Amino acid sequence: MKSFSVCLAFLVAMIAFPSAWAAPYQATGTVSFIRVLESSYGPDINWIAVSGFTTAGSCPQADGYLALMLRDDTRGKQMLRLAEAARLANAVVTVNIDDTHKSTAGYCLVQYISVAQ
């Protein structure tokens, strides 16, 4: 009976707190792809890809790339500008995502992007 109670408590915790099982993913590489779409396609549609970063939990791919979505807000636009500059300079970037933070279309959102020296 005790093992049943432990299993039940574990299942309840998994259902009640799914973010506790989320995994952050980080990659370092060059920006290999940038896509910017017209706003009528919806929010959170601008995305980048980083070389060598091909899988991250449940994050889907688009056009053969791990699509790292950027929000269509002030911070997202700042990240897009940083990614564009890094792409032009062939600079190394580090990106962090979490496969529980997704766009309305189900793609993973970039939590941060930084340029390495």
C-alpha atoms as a PDB file:
ATOM      1  CA  MET A   1       0.000   0.000   0.000  1.00  0.00           C
ATOM      2  CA  LYS A   2       2.865   2.366   0.777  1.00  0.00           C
ATOM      3  CA  SER A   3       4.398   1.886  -2.695  1.00  0.00           C
ATOM      4  CA  PHE A   4       1.017   2.667  -4.279  1.00  0.00           C
ATOM      5  CA  SER A   5       0.875   5.940  -2.320  1.00  0.00           C
ATOM      6  CA  VAL A   6       4.398   6.864  -3.418  1.00  0.00           C
ATOM      7  CA  CYS A   7       3.574   6.132  -7.073  1.00  0.00           C
ATOM      8  CA  LEU A   8       0.362   8.113  -6.851  1.00  0.00           C
ATOM      9  CA  ALA A   9       2.170  11.086  -5.286  1.00  0.00           C
ATOM     10  CA  PHE A  10       4.799  10.930  -8.047  1.00  0.00           C
ATOM     11  CA  LEU A  11       2.153  10.915 -10.791  1.00  0.00           C
ATOM     12  CA  VAL A  12       0.285  13.819  -9.206  1.00  0.00           C
ATOM     13  CA  ALA A  13       3.548  15.801  -9.005  1.00  0.00           C
ATOM     14  CA  MET A  14       4.303  15.131 -12.685  1.00  0.00           C
ATOM     15  CA  ILE A  15       0.862  16.337 -13.721  1.00  0.00           C
ATOM     16  CA  ALA A  16       0.718  19.318 -11.369  1.00  0.00           C
ATOM     17  CA  PHE A  17       4.271  20.556 -11.978  1.00  0.00           C
ATOM     18  CA  PRO A  18       5.337  19.695 -15.548  1.00  0.00           C
ATOM     19  CA  SER A  19       7.831  22.570 -15.702  1.00  0.00           C
ATOM     20  CA  ALA A  20       9.854  20.842 -13.003  1.00  0.00           C
ATOM     21  CA  TRP A  21      10.753  18.247 -15.658  1.00  0.00           C
ATOM     22  CA  ALA A  22      11.746  20.815 -18.299  1.00  0.00           C
ATOM     23  CA  ALA A  23      15.267  20.819 -19.615  1.00  0.00           C
ATOM     24  CA  PRO A  24      17.260  23.880 -20.631  1.00  0.00           C
ATOM     25  CA  TYR A  25      19.395  23.535 -23.735  1.00  0.00           C
ATOM     26  CA  GLN A  26      22.379  25.678 -24.638  1.00  0.00           C
ATOM     27  CA  ALA A  27      24.472  25.799 -27.778  1.00  0.00           C
ATOM     28  CA  THR A  28      27.450  27.754 -28.996  1.00  0.00           C
ATOM     29  CA  GLY A  29      28.152  28.254 -32.689  1.00  0.00           C
ATOM     30  CA  THR A  30      27.646  30.679 -35.538  1.00  0.00           C
ATOM     31  CA  VAL A  31      24.270  31.905 -36.733  1.00  0.00           C
ATOM     32  CA  SER A  32      23.691  29.731 -39.782  1.00  0.00           C
ATOM     33  CA  PHE A  33      20.213  30.904 -40.767  1.00  0.00           C
ATOM     34  CA  ILE A  34      17.892  33.849 -40.157  1.00  0.00           C
ATOM     35  CA  ARG A  35      14.276  34.026 -41.249  1.00  0.00           C
ATOM     36  CA  VAL A  36      12.087  37.106 -40.833  1.00  0.00           C
ATOM     37  CA  LEU A  37       8.456  36.831 -41.869  1.00  0.00           C
ATOM     38  CA  GLU A  38       5.868  39.513 -42.468  1.00  0.00           C
ATOM     39  CA  SER A  39       3.728  40.166 -39.381  1.00  0.00           C
ATOM     40  CA  SER A  40       0.470  38.908 -40.920  1.00  0.00           C
ATOM     41  CA  TYR A  41       1.818  35.371 -40.380  1.00  0.00           C
ATOM     42  CA  GLY A  42       1.347  35.902 -36.636  1.00  0.00           C
ATOM     43  CA  PRO A  43       3.421  36.595 -33.542  1.00  0.00           C
ATOM     44  CA  ASP A  44       6.722  34.931 -32.690  1.00  0.00           C
ATOM     45  CA  ILE A  45       7.611  34.061 -36.269  1.00  0.00           C
ATOM     46  CA  ASN A  46      11.141  35.395 -36.680  1.00  0.00           C
ATOM     47  CA  TRP A  47      13.705  32.699 -36.093  1.00  0.00           C
ATOM     48  CA  ILE A  48      17.359  31.808 -36.284  1.00  0.00           C
ATOM     49  CA  ALA A  49      19.419  28.636 -36.410  1.00  0.00           C
ATOM     50  CA  VAL A  50      22.808  28.050 -34.818  1.00  0.00           C
ATOM     51  CA  SER A  51      25.388  25.774 -36.446  1.00  0.00           C
ATOM     52  CA  GLY A  52      25.651  22.391 -34.774  1.00  0.00           C
ATOM     53  CA  PHE A  53      22.446  22.857 -32.749  1.00  0.00           C
ATOM     54  CA  THR A  54      20.129  20.307 -34.333  1.00  0.00           C
ATOM     55  CA  THR A  55      18.032  18.876 -31.483  1.00  0.00           C
ATOM     56  CA  ALA A  56      16.732  20.115 -28.164  1.00  0.00           C
ATOM     57  CA  GLY A  57      14.129  17.976 -26.444  1.00  0.00           C
ATOM     58  CA  SER A  58      10.722  18.479 -28.017  1.00  0.00           C
ATOM     59  CA  CYS A  59      11.739  21.554 -30.049  1.00  0.00           C
ATOM     60  CA  PRO A  60      10.703  21.061 -33.698  1.00  0.00           C
ATOM     61  CA  GLN A  61      12.700  21.739 -36.829  1.00  0.00           C
ATOM     62  CA  ALA A  62      11.760  23.932 -39.771  1.00  0.00           C
ATOM     63  CA  ASP A  63      13.317  23.606 -43.223  1.00  0.00           C
ATOM     64  CA  GLY A  64      15.927  21.219 -41.782  1.00  0.00           C
ATOM     65  CA  TYR A  65      17.025  23.607 -39.027  1.00  0.00           C
ATOM     66  CA  LEU A  66      16.280  23.654 -35.312  1.00  0.00           C
ATOM     67  CA  ALA A  67      14.093  26.763 -35.404  1.00  0.00           C
ATOM     68  CA  LEU A  68      14.897  29.098 -32.509  1.00  0.00           C
ATOM     69  CA  MET A  69      12.006  31.539 -32.414  1.00  0.00           C
ATOM     70  CA  LEU A  70      12.301  35.181 -31.413  1.00  0.00           C
ATOM     71  CA  ARG A  71       9.306  37.062 -30.069  1.00  0.00           C
ATOM     72  CA  ASP A  72       7.936  39.997 -32.034  1.00  0.00           C
ATOM     73  CA  ASP A  73       8.488  42.433 -29.184  1.00  0.00           C
ATOM     74  CA  THR A  74      11.249  44.824 -28.099  1.00  0.00           C
ATOM     75  CA  ARG A  75      13.474  42.103 -26.619  1.00  0.00           C
ATOM     76  CA  GLY A  76      12.928  39.789 -29.562  1.00  0.00           C
ATOM     77  CA  LYS A  77      13.888  42.560 -31.969  1.00  0.00           C
ATOM     78  CA  GLN A  78      17.033  43.241 -29.925  1.00  0.00           C
ATOM     79  CA  MET A  79      17.935  39.548 -30.130  1.00  0.00           C
ATOM     80  CA  LEU A  80      17.275  39.557 -33.884  1.00  0.00           C
ATOM     81  CA  ARG A  81      19.594  42.545 -34.373  1.00  0.00           C
ATOM     82  CA  LEU A  82      22.285  40.824 -32.320  1.00  0.00           C
ATOM     83  CA  ALA A  83      21.887  37.621 -34.386  1.00  0.00           C
ATOM     84  CA  GLU A  84      22.077  39.623 -37.632  1.00  0.00           C
ATOM     85  CA  ALA A  85      25.270  41.373 -36.529  1.00  0.00           C
ATOM     86  CA  ALA A  86      26.788  38.069 -35.427  1.00  0.00           C
ATOM     87  CA  ARG A  87      25.874  36.491 -38.780  1.00  0.00           C
ATOM     88  CA  LEU A  88      27.519  39.313 -40.731  1.00  0.00           C
ATOM     89  CA  ALA A  89      30.650  39.177 -38.543  1.00  0.00           C
ATOM     90  CA  ASN A  90      30.702  35.354 -38.474  1.00  0.00           C
ATOM     91  CA  ALA A  91      30.913  35.712 -34.682  1.00  0.00           C
ATOM     92  CA  VAL A  92      30.251  32.895 -32.248  1.00  0.00           C
ATOM     93  CA  VAL A  93      27.006  33.150 -30.266  1.00  0.00           C
ATOM     94  CA  THR A  94      25.565  31.236 -27.347  1.00  0.00           C
ATOM     95  CA  VAL A  95      21.824  30.647 -27.194  1.00  0.00           C
ATOM     96  CA  ASN A  96      19.699  29.164 -24.451  1.00  0.00           C
ATOM     97  CA  ILE A  97      16.247  27.639 -24.853  1.00  0.00           C
ATOM     98  CA  ASP A  98      13.883  25.545 -22.777  1.00  0.00           C
ATOM     99  CA  ASP A  99      11.580  23.103 -24.555  1.00  0.00           C
ATOM    100  CA  THR A 100       8.624  24.114 -22.377  1.00  0.00           C
ATOM    101  CA  HIS A 101       8.734  27.761 -23.552  1.00  0.00           C
ATOM    102  CA  LYS A 102       7.261  27.703 -27.041  1.00  0.00           C
ATOM    103  CA  SER A 103       5.673  30.066 -29.529  1.00  0.00           C
ATOM    104  CA  THR A 104       1.997  29.840 -30.433  1.00  0.00           C
ATOM    105  CA  ALA A 105       3.045  27.640 -33.364  1.00  0.00           C
ATOM    106  CA  GLY A 106       4.889  25.235 -31.048  1.00  0.00           C
ATOM    107  CA  TYR A 107       8.486  26.294 -31.762  1.00  0.00           C
ATOM    108  CA  CYS A 108      10.974  26.873 -28.935  1.00  0.00           C
ATOM    109  CA  LEU A 109      11.608  30.478 -27.920  1.00  0.00           C
ATOM    110  CA  VAL A 110      15.104  31.837 -27.382  1.00  0.00           C
ATOM    111  CA  GLN A 111      15.579  32.780 -23.738  1.00  0.00           C
ATOM    112  CA  TYR A 112      18.855  34.558 -24.373  1.00  0.00           C
ATOM    113  CA  ILE A 113      21.514  35.066 -27.000  1.00  0.00           C
ATOM    114  CA  SER A 114      24.994  36.366 -26.338  1.00  0.00           C
ATOM    115  CA  VAL A 115      28.036  37.000 -28.501  1.00  0.00           C
ATOM    116  CA  ALA A 116      31.288  35.382 -27.402  1.00  0.00           C
ATOM    117  CA  GLN A 117      34.645  37.066 -27.825  1.00  0.00           C
END
